[in-house]
Amino acid sequence: MNETQRKILIATAGVVALMVIFPPYIVENYRAVTIMAGYGFLFDLPSYAMQSGSSIPASVNVKTLLVQIFGAVVVGGLAFLSAKR
């Protein structure tokens, strides 16, 4: 492994770590209709305040997160392989 490959590996790991720390979230009502979506800190996901005073907590959108991680790993892997001398 050369120096460029090492940097690519570290950058890819950093990107994946940030994806896990700030995952995509989704807020769905009782009918499974998406009310709100976005990205947020893993330990402080927002909640949606309803007009009745109750709130619906957000949950991590695992499917989207896995697709994002897969894409980052594929791009990082291709960059890693292309940096061979």
Foldseek 3Di string as FASTA:
>chain_A
DDPQLVVLVVVLVVVLVVCVQWDKKFWADPVRDTDDIDTGGPVDFDWAQDPVGDITTIDGPVVVSVVVNVVSVVVSVVSSVVPDD
